[in-house]
PDB file of N, CA and C in Angstrom:
ATOM      1  N   MET A   1       1.029  -1.316   0.078  1.00  0.00           N
ATOM      2  CA  MET A   1       0.113  -0.037  -0.374  1.00  0.00           C
ATOM      3  C   MET A   1       1.264   1.558   0.016  1.00  0.00           C
ATOM      4  N   SER A   2       0.555   2.032  -0.408  1.00  0.00           N
ATOM      5  CA  SER A   2       1.482   3.306  -0.620  1.00  0.00           C
ATOM      6  C   SER A   2       1.355   4.069   0.195  1.00  0.00           C
ATOM      7  N   ASP A   3       2.032   5.760   0.424  1.00  0.00           N
ATOM      8  CA  ASP A   3       2.280   6.218   1.706  1.00  0.00           C
ATOM      9  C   ASP A   3       0.928   7.161   1.542  1.00  0.00           C
ATOM     10  N   LEU A   4       0.489   7.071   0.462  1.00  0.00           N
ATOM     11  CA  LEU A   4      -1.155   8.330   0.396  1.00  0.00           C
ATOM     12  C   LEU A   4      -2.032   7.823   2.131  1.00  0.00           C
ATOM     13  N   ALA A   5      -2.081   6.520   2.233  1.00  0.00           N
ATOM     14  CA  ALA A   5      -3.006   6.611   3.552  1.00  0.00           C
ATOM     15  C   ALA A   5      -2.137   7.031   4.409  1.00  0.00           C
ATOM     16  N   GLN A   6      -1.150   7.461   4.197  1.00  0.00           N
ATOM     17  CA  GLN A   6      -0.418   7.883   5.969  1.00  0.00           C
ATOM     18  C   GLN A   6      -0.564   9.602   5.942  1.00  0.00           C
ATOM     19  N   GLN A   7      -0.721  10.316   4.411  1.00  0.00           N
ATOM     20  CA  GLN A   7      -0.793  11.742   4.585  1.00  0.00           C
ATOM     21  C   GLN A   7      -1.948  12.304   5.210  1.00  0.00           C
ATOM     22  N   SER A   8      -2.093  13.536   5.283  1.00  0.00           N
ATOM     23  CA  SER A   8      -3.713  14.510   5.430  1.00  0.00           C
ATOM     24  C   SER A   8      -3.845  15.594   3.889  1.00  0.00           C
ATOM     25  N   CYS A   9      -4.714  15.621   4.306  1.00  0.00           N
ATOM     26  CA  CYS A   9      -5.583  16.955   2.861  1.00  0.00           C
ATOM     27  C   CYS A   9      -4.626  17.911   3.977  1.00  0.00           C
ATOM     28  N   GLU A  10      -4.768  18.171   2.159  1.00  0.00           N
ATOM     29  CA  GLU A  10      -4.402  19.918   2.546  1.00  0.00           C
ATOM     30  C   GLU A  10      -5.284  20.844   2.126  1.00  0.00           C
ATOM     31  N   ALA A  11      -5.101  22.201   2.684  1.00  0.00           N
ATOM     32  CA  ALA A  11      -6.157  23.103   2.592  1.00  0.00           C
ATOM     33  C   ALA A  11      -6.485  23.458   0.735  1.00  0.00           C
ATOM     34  N   CYS A  12      -7.584  23.275   0.513  1.00  0.00           N
ATOM     35  CA  CYS A  12      -7.516  23.159  -0.917  1.00  0.00           C
ATOM     36  C   CYS A  12      -8.510  24.837  -1.509  1.00  0.00           C
ATOM     37  N   LYS A  13      -7.903  25.786  -1.841  1.00  0.00           N
ATOM     38  CA  LYS A  13      -8.399  26.708  -2.676  1.00  0.00           C
ATOM     39  C   LYS A  13      -9.517  26.704  -3.532  1.00  0.00           C
ATOM     40  N   SER A  14     -10.596  27.588  -3.867  1.00  0.00           N
ATOM     41  CA  SER A  14     -11.578  27.247  -4.811  1.00  0.00           C
ATOM     42  C   SER A  14     -10.451  27.339  -6.264  1.00  0.00           C
ATOM     43  N   ASP A  15      -9.570  28.152  -6.039  1.00  0.00           N
ATOM     44  CA  ASP A  15      -8.598  28.661  -7.773  1.00  0.00           C
ATOM     45  C   ASP A  15      -7.597  27.477  -7.780  1.00  0.00           C
ATOM     46  N   ALA A  16      -7.568  26.469  -6.991  1.00  0.00           N
ATOM     47  CA  ALA A  16      -6.889  25.805  -7.133  1.00  0.00           C
ATOM     48  C   ALA A  16      -6.501  24.556  -8.615  1.00  0.00           C
ATOM     49  N   PRO A  17      -5.660  23.862  -9.234  1.00  0.00           N
ATOM     50  CA  PRO A  17      -6.175  23.955 -10.523  1.00  0.00           C
ATOM     51  C   PRO A  17      -6.813  22.420 -10.353  1.00  0.00           C
ATOM     52  N   THR A  18      -7.556  21.367 -11.189  1.00  0.00           N
ATOM     53  CA  THR A  18      -7.870  20.036 -10.984  1.00  0.00           C
ATOM     54  C   THR A  18      -6.098  19.371 -11.484  1.00  0.00           C
ATOM     55  N   LEU A  19      -5.842  18.434 -11.314  1.00  0.00           N
ATOM     56  CA  LEU A  19      -4.822  17.520 -11.575  1.00  0.00           C
ATOM     57  C   LEU A  19      -5.207  17.182 -12.968  1.00  0.00           C
ATOM     58  N   SER A  20      -3.563  17.320 -13.517  1.00  0.00           N
ATOM     59  CA  SER A  20      -3.922  17.254 -15.205  1.00  0.00           C
ATOM     60  C   SER A  20      -4.275  15.607 -15.318  1.00  0.00           C
ATOM     61  N   ASP A  21      -3.898  14.581 -16.526  1.00  0.00           N
ATOM     62  CA  ASP A  21      -4.321  13.330 -16.881  1.00  0.00           C
ATOM     63  C   ASP A  21      -2.874  13.090 -16.503  1.00  0.00           C
ATOM     64  N   ALA A  22      -1.804  13.398 -16.806  1.00  0.00           N
ATOM     65  CA  ALA A  22      -0.202  13.032 -16.332  1.00  0.00           C
ATOM     66  C   ALA A  22      -0.330  12.904 -15.044  1.00  0.00           C
ATOM     67  N   GLU A  23      -0.779  14.115 -13.993  1.00  0.00           N
ATOM     68  CA  GLU A  23      -0.591  13.743 -12.691  1.00  0.00           C
ATOM     69  C   GLU A  23      -1.656  12.901 -12.091  1.00  0.00           C
ATOM     70  N   ILE A  24      -2.859  12.650 -12.538  1.00  0.00           N
ATOM     71  CA  ILE A  24      -3.841  11.479 -12.353  1.00  0.00           C
ATOM     72  C   ILE A  24      -2.802   9.929 -12.792  1.00  0.00           C
ATOM     73  N   ASN A  25      -2.557   9.938 -13.756  1.00  0.00           N
ATOM     74  CA  ASN A  25      -1.752   8.635 -14.078  1.00  0.00           C
ATOM     75  C   ASN A  25      -0.729   8.390 -13.629  1.00  0.00           C
ATOM     76  N   ALA A  26       0.168   9.323 -12.819  1.00  0.00           N
ATOM     77  CA  ALA A  26       1.435   8.897 -11.824  1.00  0.00           C
ATOM     78  C   ALA A  26       0.288   8.550 -10.713  1.00  0.00           C
ATOM     79  N   MET A  27      -0.240   9.024  -9.861  1.00  0.00           N
ATOM     80  CA  MET A  27      -1.160   8.785  -8.508  1.00  0.00           C
ATOM     81  C   MET A  27      -1.601   7.055  -9.000  1.00  0.00           C
ATOM     82  N   LYS A  28      -2.332   6.877 -10.046  1.00  0.00           N
ATOM     83  CA  LYS A  28      -3.510   6.167 -10.226  1.00  0.00           C
ATOM     84  C   LYS A  28      -2.922   4.333  -9.617  1.00  0.00           C
ATOM     85  N   PRO A  29      -1.531   4.454  -9.925  1.00  0.00           N
ATOM     86  CA  PRO A  29      -1.323   3.359  -9.269  1.00  0.00           C
ATOM     87  C   PRO A  29      -1.230   2.748  -7.829  1.00  0.00           C
ATOM     88  N   ASP A  30      -0.843   4.023  -7.341  1.00  0.00           N
ATOM     89  CA  ASP A  30      -1.163   3.945  -5.635  1.00  0.00           C
ATOM     90  C   ASP A  30      -2.763   3.856  -5.088  1.00  0.00           C
ATOM     91  N   VAL A  31      -3.741   3.896  -6.332  1.00  0.00           N
ATOM     92  CA  VAL A  31      -4.972   3.536  -5.817  1.00  0.00           C
ATOM     93  C   VAL A  31      -5.525   2.539  -7.066  1.00  0.00           C
ATOM     94  N   PRO A  32      -5.120   1.349  -7.083  1.00  0.00           N
ATOM     95  CA  PRO A  32      -5.032   0.684  -8.299  1.00  0.00           C
ATOM     96  C   PRO A  32      -6.435   0.268  -8.730  1.00  0.00           C
ATOM     97  N   GLU A  33      -7.238   0.330  -7.271  1.00  0.00           N
ATOM     98  CA  GLU A  33      -8.529  -0.893  -7.529  1.00  0.00           C
ATOM     99  C   GLU A  33      -9.706   0.072  -8.136  1.00  0.00           C
ATOM    100  N   TRP A  34      -9.355   1.672  -8.079  1.00  0.00           N
ATOM    101  CA  TRP A  34      -9.978   3.163  -7.869  1.00  0.00           C
ATOM    102  C   TRP A  34     -10.699   3.234  -9.622  1.00  0.00           C
ATOM    103  N   GLU A  35     -11.329   4.203 -10.180  1.00  0.00           N
ATOM    104  CA  GLU A  35     -11.854   3.660 -11.365  1.00  0.00           C
ATOM    105  C   GLU A  35     -11.501   5.440 -11.494  1.00  0.00           C
ATOM    106  N   VAL A  36     -11.020   6.159 -12.543  1.00  0.00           N
ATOM    107  CA  VAL A  36     -11.550   7.695 -13.243  1.00  0.00           C
ATOM    108  C   VAL A  36     -12.582   7.938 -13.805  1.00  0.00           C
ATOM    109  N   LYS A  37     -13.667   8.311 -12.927  1.00  0.00           N
ATOM    110  CA  LYS A  37     -15.245   8.534 -14.404  1.00  0.00           C
ATOM    111  C   LYS A  37     -14.915   9.604 -14.410  1.00  0.00           C
ATOM    112  N   GLU A  38     -16.048  10.173 -15.491  1.00  0.00           N
ATOM    113  CA  GLU A  38     -16.293  11.412 -15.489  1.00  0.00           C
ATOM    114  C   GLU A  38     -17.974  11.704 -15.221  1.00  0.00           C
ATOM    115  N   ILE A  39     -18.594  12.399 -14.182  1.00  0.00           N
ATOM    116  CA  ILE A  39     -19.985  12.964 -14.763  1.00  0.00           C
ATOM    117  C   ILE A  39     -20.131  14.058 -14.453  1.00  0.00           C
ATOM    118  N   ASP A  40     -20.563  14.640 -15.069  1.00  0.00           N
ATOM    119  CA  ASP A  40     -21.279  16.173 -15.497  1.00  0.00           C
ATOM    120  C   ASP A  40     -20.040  17.415 -15.304  1.00  0.00           C
ATOM    121  N   GLY A  41     -18.936  16.171 -16.767  1.00  0.00           N
ATOM    122  CA  GLY A  41     -17.905  17.269 -16.731  1.00  0.00           C
ATOM    123  C   GLY A  41     -16.871  17.000 -15.648  1.00  0.00           C
ATOM    124  N   GLU A  42     -17.133  16.285 -14.408  1.00  0.00           N
ATOM    125  CA  GLU A  42     -15.724  16.119 -13.399  1.00  0.00           C
ATOM    126  C   GLU A  42     -15.428  15.113 -13.404  1.00  0.00           C
ATOM    127  N   LYS A  43     -13.896  14.980 -12.943  1.00  0.00           N
ATOM    128  CA  LYS A  43     -13.122  13.560 -13.134  1.00  0.00           C
ATOM    129  C   LYS A  43     -13.654  13.161 -11.418  1.00  0.00           C
ATOM    130  N   ARG A  44     -14.007  11.684 -11.169  1.00  0.00           N
ATOM    131  CA  ARG A  44     -14.083  10.957  -9.554  1.00  0.00           C
ATOM    132  C   ARG A  44     -13.043  10.147  -9.924  1.00  0.00           C
ATOM    133  N   LEU A  45     -12.613   9.554  -8.373  1.00  0.00           N
ATOM    134  CA  LEU A  45     -12.459   8.546  -8.391  1.00  0.00           C
ATOM    135  C   LEU A  45     -13.652   7.373  -7.810  1.00  0.00           C
ATOM    136  N   SER A  46     -13.974   6.759  -8.227  1.00  0.00           N
ATOM    137  CA  SER A  46     -14.668   5.497  -8.286  1.00  0.00           C
ATOM    138  C   SER A  46     -15.036   4.146  -7.666  1.00  0.00           C
ATOM    139  N   ARG A  47     -14.956   4.000  -6.465  1.00  0.00           N
ATOM    140  CA  ARG A  47     -14.699   2.203  -6.423  1.00  0.00           C
ATOM    141  C   ARG A  47     -15.745   1.771  -5.698  1.00  0.00           C
ATOM    142  N   ARG A  48     -16.068   0.458  -5.644  1.00  0.00           N
ATOM    143  CA  ARG A  48     -17.338  -0.044  -5.451  1.00  0.00           C
ATOM    144  C   ARG A  48     -16.520  -1.455  -4.327  1.00  0.00           C
ATOM    145  N   PHE A  49     -16.636  -1.659  -2.887  1.00  0.00           N
ATOM    146  CA  PHE A  49     -16.831  -2.192  -2.276  1.00  0.00           C
ATOM    147  C   PHE A  49     -17.915  -3.496  -1.792  1.00  0.00           C
ATOM    148  N   LYS A  50     -17.262  -4.732  -1.611  1.00  0.00           N
ATOM    149  CA  LYS A  50     -18.454  -5.736  -1.682  1.00  0.00           C
ATOM    150  C   LYS A  50     -18.281  -6.118  -0.205  1.00  0.00           C
ATOM    151  N   PHE A  51     -19.492  -6.683   1.082  1.00  0.00           N
ATOM    152  CA  PHE A  51     -19.474  -7.233   2.350  1.00  0.00           C
ATOM    153  C   PHE A  51     -20.465  -8.520   1.672  1.00  0.00           C
ATOM    154  N   LYS A  52     -20.856  -9.198   3.276  1.00  0.00           N
ATOM    155  CA  LYS A  52     -21.470 -10.128   2.938  1.00  0.00           C
ATOM    156  C   LYS A  52     -23.350  -9.510   3.404  1.00  0.00           C
ATOM    157  N   ASN A  53     -23.489  -8.486   3.746  1.00  0.00           N
ATOM    158  CA  ASN A  53     -24.853  -8.471   3.999  1.00  0.00           C
ATOM    159  C   ASN A  53     -24.944  -6.452   4.209  1.00  0.00           C
ATOM    160  N   PHE A  54     -26.101  -6.378   4.668  1.00  0.00           N
ATOM    161  CA  PHE A  54     -26.011  -4.788   4.578  1.00  0.00           C
ATOM    162  C   PHE A  54     -25.690  -4.121   6.177  1.00  0.00           C
ATOM    163  N   ALA A  55     -25.761  -4.816   7.064  1.00  0.00           N
ATOM    164  CA  ALA A  55     -24.778  -4.580   8.136  1.00  0.00           C
ATOM    165  C   ALA A  55     -23.611  -4.321   8.110  1.00  0.00           C
ATOM    166  N   GLU A  56     -22.671  -4.911   7.508  1.00  0.00           N
ATOM    167  CA  GLU A  56     -20.930  -4.557   7.018  1.00  0.00           C
ATOM    168  C   GLU A  56     -21.177  -3.740   6.295  1.00  0.00           C
ATOM    169  N   ALA A  57     -22.060  -3.275   5.055  1.00  0.00           N
ATOM    170  CA  ALA A  57     -21.433  -2.402   4.134  1.00  0.00           C
ATOM    171  C   ALA A  57     -22.310  -1.061   4.881  1.00  0.00           C
ATOM    172  N   LEU A  58     -23.302  -1.137   6.034  1.00  0.00           N
ATOM    173  CA  LEU A  58     -23.476   0.054   7.126  1.00  0.00           C
ATOM    174  C   LEU A  58     -22.019   0.407   7.462  1.00  0.00           C
ATOM    175  N   ALA A  59     -22.025  -0.440   8.551  1.00  0.00           N
ATOM    176  CA  ALA A  59     -20.641  -0.087   9.077  1.00  0.00           C
ATOM    177  C   ALA A  59     -19.450   0.438   8.510  1.00  0.00           C
ATOM    178  N   PHE A  60     -19.045  -0.291   7.052  1.00  0.00           N
ATOM    179  CA  PHE A  60     -18.224   0.835   5.934  1.00  0.00           C
ATOM    180  C   PHE A  60     -18.592   1.944   5.952  1.00  0.00           C
ATOM    181  N   THR A  61     -19.973   2.313   5.627  1.00  0.00           N
ATOM    182  CA  THR A  61     -20.289   3.645   5.309  1.00  0.00           C
ATOM    183  C   THR A  61     -19.777   4.729   6.145  1.00  0.00           C
ATOM    184  N   GLN A  62     -20.242   4.117   7.836  1.00  0.00           N
ATOM    185  CA  GLN A  62     -19.723   4.611   8.905  1.00  0.00           C
ATOM    186  C   GLN A  62     -18.680   5.586   8.805  1.00  0.00           C
ATOM    187  N   THR A  63     -17.359   4.217   8.662  1.00  0.00           N
ATOM    188  CA  THR A  63     -16.085   4.374   9.077  1.00  0.00           C
ATOM    189  C   THR A  63     -15.461   5.317   7.742  1.00  0.00           C
ATOM    190  N   VAL A  64     -16.243   5.030   6.098  1.00  0.00           N
ATOM    191  CA  VAL A  64     -15.548   6.227   5.816  1.00  0.00           C
ATOM    192  C   VAL A  64     -16.379   7.918   6.149  1.00  0.00           C
ATOM    193  N   GLY A  65     -17.577   7.585   6.138  1.00  0.00           N
ATOM    194  CA  GLY A  65     -17.772   9.086   6.727  1.00  0.00           C
ATOM    195  C   GLY A  65     -17.122   9.635   8.073  1.00  0.00           C
ATOM    196  N   ASP A  66     -16.790   9.147   8.814  1.00  0.00           N
ATOM    197  CA  ASP A  66     -16.132   9.202  10.074  1.00  0.00           C
ATOM    198  C   ASP A  66     -14.756   9.659   9.539  1.00  0.00           C
ATOM    199  N   LEU A  67     -13.944   8.781   8.423  1.00  0.00           N
ATOM    200  CA  LEU A  67     -12.550   9.363   7.783  1.00  0.00           C
ATOM    201  C   LEU A  67     -12.962  10.902   7.206  1.00  0.00           C
ATOM    202  N   ALA A  68     -14.210  11.240   6.342  1.00  0.00           N
ATOM    203  CA  ALA A  68     -14.573  12.253   5.557  1.00  0.00           C
ATOM    204  C   ALA A  68     -14.475  13.664   6.654  1.00  0.00           C
ATOM    205  N   GLU A  69     -15.286  13.218   7.655  1.00  0.00           N
ATOM    206  CA  GLU A  69     -15.385  14.364   8.933  1.00  0.00           C
ATOM    207  C   GLU A  69     -14.118  14.544   9.779  1.00  0.00           C
ATOM    208  N   ASP A  70     -12.869  13.532   9.800  1.00  0.00           N
ATOM    209  CA  ASP A  70     -11.733  14.225  10.151  1.00  0.00           C
ATOM    210  C   ASP A  70     -11.309  14.803   8.863  1.00  0.00           C
ATOM    211  N   ALA A  71     -11.026  14.213   7.970  1.00  0.00           N
ATOM    212  CA  ALA A  71      -9.962  15.348   7.089  1.00  0.00           C
ATOM    213  C   ALA A  71     -11.261  16.618   6.503  1.00  0.00           C
ATOM    214  N   ASP A  72     -12.504  16.846   6.685  1.00  0.00           N
ATOM    215  CA  ASP A  72     -13.020  17.782   6.191  1.00  0.00           C
ATOM    216  C   ASP A  72     -13.403  17.519   4.797  1.00  0.00           C
ATOM    217  N   HIS A  73     -13.245  16.624   4.372  1.00  0.00           N
ATOM    218  CA  HIS A  73     -13.762  15.990   2.474  1.00  0.00           C
ATOM    219  C   HIS A  73     -14.213  15.211   2.894  1.00  0.00           C
ATOM    220  N   HIS A  74     -15.585  15.223   1.999  1.00  0.00           N
ATOM    221  CA  HIS A  74     -16.310  14.641   1.747  1.00  0.00           C
ATOM    222  C   HIS A  74     -16.869  14.010   0.513  1.00  0.00           C
ATOM    223  N   PRO A  75     -17.136  12.528   0.509  1.00  0.00           N
ATOM    224  CA  PRO A  75     -17.601  11.639  -0.606  1.00  0.00           C
ATOM    225  C   PRO A  75     -19.013  11.459  -1.279  1.00  0.00           C
ATOM    226  N   ALA A  76     -19.138  11.228  -2.267  1.00  0.00           N
ATOM    227  CA  ALA A  76     -20.751  10.579  -2.560  1.00  0.00           C
ATOM    228  C   ALA A  76     -20.723   9.211  -1.962  1.00  0.00           C
ATOM    229  N   ILE A  77     -21.303   9.036  -1.090  1.00  0.00           N
ATOM    230  CA  ILE A  77     -21.423   7.338  -0.851  1.00  0.00           C
ATOM    231  C   ILE A  77     -23.081   6.153  -0.897  1.00  0.00           C
ATOM    232  N   LEU A  78     -22.866   5.498  -1.821  1.00  0.00           N
ATOM    233  CA  LEU A  78     -24.244   5.024  -2.028  1.00  0.00           C
ATOM    234  C   LEU A  78     -23.650   3.546  -1.444  1.00  0.00           C
ATOM    235  N   THR A  79     -24.700   3.116  -0.559  1.00  0.00           N
ATOM    236  CA  THR A  79     -25.011   2.542   0.467  1.00  0.00           C
ATOM    237  C   THR A  79     -26.242   1.028   0.180  1.00  0.00           C
ATOM    238  N   GLU A  80     -26.052  -0.430  -0.251  1.00  0.00           N
ATOM    239  CA  GLU A  80     -26.983  -1.210  -0.696  1.00  0.00           C
ATOM    240  C   GLU A  80     -26.638  -2.261   0.263  1.00  0.00           C
ATOM    241  N   TYR A  81     -27.528  -3.477  -0.357  1.00  0.00           N
ATOM    242  CA  TYR A  81     -27.354  -4.619   0.468  1.00  0.00           C
ATOM    243  C   TYR A  81     -25.797  -5.275  -0.078  1.00  0.00           C
ATOM    244  N   GLY A  82     -24.748  -5.780   0.788  1.00  0.00           N
ATOM    245  CA  GLY A  82     -24.030  -6.029   0.088  1.00  0.00           C
ATOM    246  C   GLY A  82     -22.386  -5.257  -0.336  1.00  0.00           C
ATOM    247  N   LYS A  83     -22.873  -4.063  -0.725  1.00  0.00           N
ATOM    248  CA  LYS A  83     -22.308  -3.455  -1.397  1.00  0.00           C
ATOM    249  C   LYS A  83     -21.930  -1.636  -1.176  1.00  0.00           C
ATOM    250  N   VAL A  84     -21.069  -1.179  -1.033  1.00  0.00           N
ATOM    251  CA  VAL A  84     -20.681   0.248  -0.956  1.00  0.00           C
ATOM    252  C   VAL A  84     -19.933   0.807  -1.759  1.00  0.00           C
ATOM    253  N   THR A  85     -20.752   1.943  -2.871  1.00  0.00           N
ATOM    254  CA  THR A  85     -19.693   2.185  -4.108  1.00  0.00           C
ATOM    255  C   THR A  85     -19.107   3.968  -3.329  1.00  0.00           C
ATOM    256  N   VAL A  86     -18.197   4.663  -3.354  1.00  0.00           N
ATOM    257  CA  VAL A  86     -17.704   5.523  -3.014  1.00  0.00           C
ATOM    258  C   VAL A  86     -16.745   6.414  -4.194  1.00  0.00           C
ATOM    259  N   ASP A  87     -17.429   7.436  -4.087  1.00  0.00           N
ATOM    260  CA  ASP A  87     -16.404   8.554  -5.067  1.00  0.00           C
ATOM    261  C   ASP A  87     -16.230   9.593  -4.400  1.00  0.00           C
ATOM    262  N   TRP A  88     -14.926   9.874  -4.284  1.00  0.00           N
ATOM    263  CA  TRP A  88     -14.122  11.281  -4.064  1.00  0.00           C
ATOM    264  C   TRP A  88     -13.491  12.095  -5.514  1.00  0.00           C
ATOM    265  N   TRP A  89     -13.988  13.367  -5.079  1.00  0.00           N
ATOM    266  CA  TRP A  89     -13.476  14.238  -5.813  1.00  0.00           C
ATOM    267  C   TRP A  89     -14.015  15.434  -5.442  1.00  0.00           C
ATOM    268  N   THR A  90     -13.073  16.781  -5.648  1.00  0.00           N
ATOM    269  CA  THR A  90     -13.419  18.475  -4.990  1.00  0.00           C
ATOM    270  C   THR A  90     -13.863  18.453  -5.440  1.00  0.00           C
ATOM    271  N   HIS A  91     -15.173  18.670  -4.466  1.00  0.00           N
ATOM    272  CA  HIS A  91     -16.629  19.685  -5.378  1.00  0.00           C
ATOM    273  C   HIS A  91     -16.166  21.036  -5.185  1.00  0.00           C
ATOM    274  N   LYS A  92     -15.081  21.732  -4.430  1.00  0.00           N
ATOM    275  CA  LYS A  92     -14.891  22.946  -4.722  1.00  0.00           C
ATOM    276  C   LYS A  92     -13.997  23.713  -5.841  1.00  0.00           C
ATOM    277  N   ILE A  93     -13.416  22.123  -6.451  1.00  0.00           N
ATOM    278  CA  ILE A  93     -12.761  22.932  -7.809  1.00  0.00           C
ATOM    279  C   ILE A  93     -13.262  22.211  -8.933  1.00  0.00           C
ATOM    280  N   GLY A  94     -14.337  21.197  -8.741  1.00  0.00           N
ATOM    281  CA  GLY A  94     -14.917  20.676  -9.386  1.00  0.00           C
ATOM    282  C   GLY A  94     -13.763  19.585 -10.321  1.00  0.00           C
ATOM    283  N   GLY A  95     -12.686  18.934  -9.129  1.00  0.00           N
ATOM    284  CA  GLY A  95     -12.607  17.474 -10.303  1.00  0.00           C
ATOM    285  C   GLY A  95     -11.631  16.946  -9.085  1.00  0.00           C
ATOM    286  N   LEU A  96     -10.660  16.500  -9.576  1.00  0.00           N
ATOM    287  CA  LEU A  96      -9.908  15.657  -9.029  1.00  0.00           C
ATOM    288  C   LEU A  96      -8.265  16.621  -8.251  1.00  0.00           C
ATOM    289  N   HIS A  97      -7.939  16.209  -7.375  1.00  0.00           N
ATOM    290  CA  HIS A  97      -7.189  16.645  -6.367  1.00  0.00           C
ATOM    291  C   HIS A  97      -6.534  16.050  -5.379  1.00  0.00           C
ATOM    292  N   LYS A  98      -5.069  15.979  -5.242  1.00  0.00           N
ATOM    293  CA  LYS A  98      -4.364  15.313  -4.467  1.00  0.00           C
ATOM    294  C   LYS A  98      -4.907  14.545  -3.430  1.00  0.00           C
ATOM    295  N   ASN A  99      -5.973  15.232  -3.073  1.00  0.00           N
ATOM    296  CA  ASN A  99      -6.686  14.582  -1.578  1.00  0.00           C
ATOM    297  C   ASN A  99      -7.253  13.821  -1.252  1.00  0.00           C
ATOM    298  N   ASP A 100      -8.577  13.853  -2.914  1.00  0.00           N
ATOM    299  CA  ASP A 100      -8.926  12.612  -3.305  1.00  0.00           C
ATOM    300  C   ASP A 100      -8.297  11.304  -3.549  1.00  0.00           C
ATOM    301  N   PHE A 101      -7.044  11.405  -3.651  1.00  0.00           N
ATOM    302  CA  PHE A 101      -5.997  10.468  -3.900  1.00  0.00           C
ATOM    303  C   PHE A 101      -5.946   9.702  -2.700  1.00  0.00           C
ATOM    304  N   VAL A 102      -5.586  10.708  -2.093  1.00  0.00           N
ATOM    305  CA  VAL A 102      -5.355  10.580  -0.149  1.00  0.00           C
ATOM    306  C   VAL A 102      -6.607   9.593   0.286  1.00  0.00           C
ATOM    307  N   MET A 103      -7.351  10.451   0.499  1.00  0.00           N
ATOM    308  CA  MET A 103      -8.713  10.019   0.914  1.00  0.00           C
ATOM    309  C   MET A 103      -9.438   8.487   0.298  1.00  0.00           C
ATOM    310  N   ALA A 104      -8.580   8.001  -0.975  1.00  0.00           N
ATOM    311  CA  ALA A 104      -8.974   6.939  -1.464  1.00  0.00           C
ATOM    312  C   ALA A 104      -8.114   5.751  -1.210  1.00  0.00           C
ATOM    313  N   ALA A 105      -6.656   6.149  -0.593  1.00  0.00           N
ATOM    314  CA  ALA A 105      -6.057   5.597   0.254  1.00  0.00           C
ATOM    315  C   ALA A 105      -6.649   5.038   1.316  1.00  0.00           C
ATOM    316  N   LYS A 106      -6.760   5.810   1.978  1.00  0.00           N
ATOM    317  CA  LYS A 106      -7.590   5.987   3.570  1.00  0.00           C
ATOM    318  C   LYS A 106      -8.466   4.779   3.168  1.00  0.00           C
ATOM    319  N   THR A 107      -9.277   4.978   2.111  1.00  0.00           N
ATOM    320  CA  THR A 107     -10.539   4.460   2.193  1.00  0.00           C
ATOM    321  C   THR A 107     -10.104   2.849   2.187  1.00  0.00           C
ATOM    322  N   ASP A 108      -9.623   2.593   1.217  1.00  0.00           N
ATOM    323  CA  ASP A 108      -8.828   0.967   1.429  1.00  0.00           C
ATOM    324  C   ASP A 108      -8.485   0.687   2.177  1.00  0.00           C
ATOM    325  N   LYS A 109      -7.551   1.222   2.880  1.00  0.00           N
ATOM    326  CA  LYS A 109      -6.579   0.755   4.514  1.00  0.00           C
ATOM    327  C   LYS A 109      -7.876   0.573   5.203  1.00  0.00           C
ATOM    328  N   ALA A 110      -9.163   1.325   5.470  1.00  0.00           N
ATOM    329  CA  ALA A 110     -10.134   1.161   5.797  1.00  0.00           C
ATOM    330  C   ALA A 110     -11.240  -0.072   5.626  1.00  0.00           C
ATOM    331  N   TYR A 111     -10.745  -0.506   4.557  1.00  0.00           N
ATOM    332  CA  TYR A 111     -11.518  -1.770   4.090  1.00  0.00           C
ATOM    333  C   TYR A 111     -10.772  -3.221   4.375  1.00  0.00           C
ATOM    334  N   THR A 112      -9.543  -3.108   4.247  1.00  0.00           N
ATOM    335  CA  THR A 112      -8.782  -4.209   4.890  1.00  0.00           C
ATOM    336  C   THR A 112      -8.871  -4.619   5.886  1.00  0.00           C
TER     337      THR A 112
END
């Protein structure tokens, strides 16, 4: 696992640039299970996590929510029976920032 999970999110201003495709490609190997997708013109990191039942999925959702609150960086989370889909992106800049990769790595660590 990369050291991204040990890093903290940095303050991000609304005029901060989104990551370039080259920067995304350089960081992607650190979170290999995550997919880069685009919704409404904004790139996001997305991953679906699988669980035995709804209770486990709900507990993981709470764990990710706690990580998000601690970092003051919040994802979109869809909790279903046996699965949780998490999307990280930086709302303030309308795309991906290093913080999203940090939080994806922290989410992976919470899953293991």
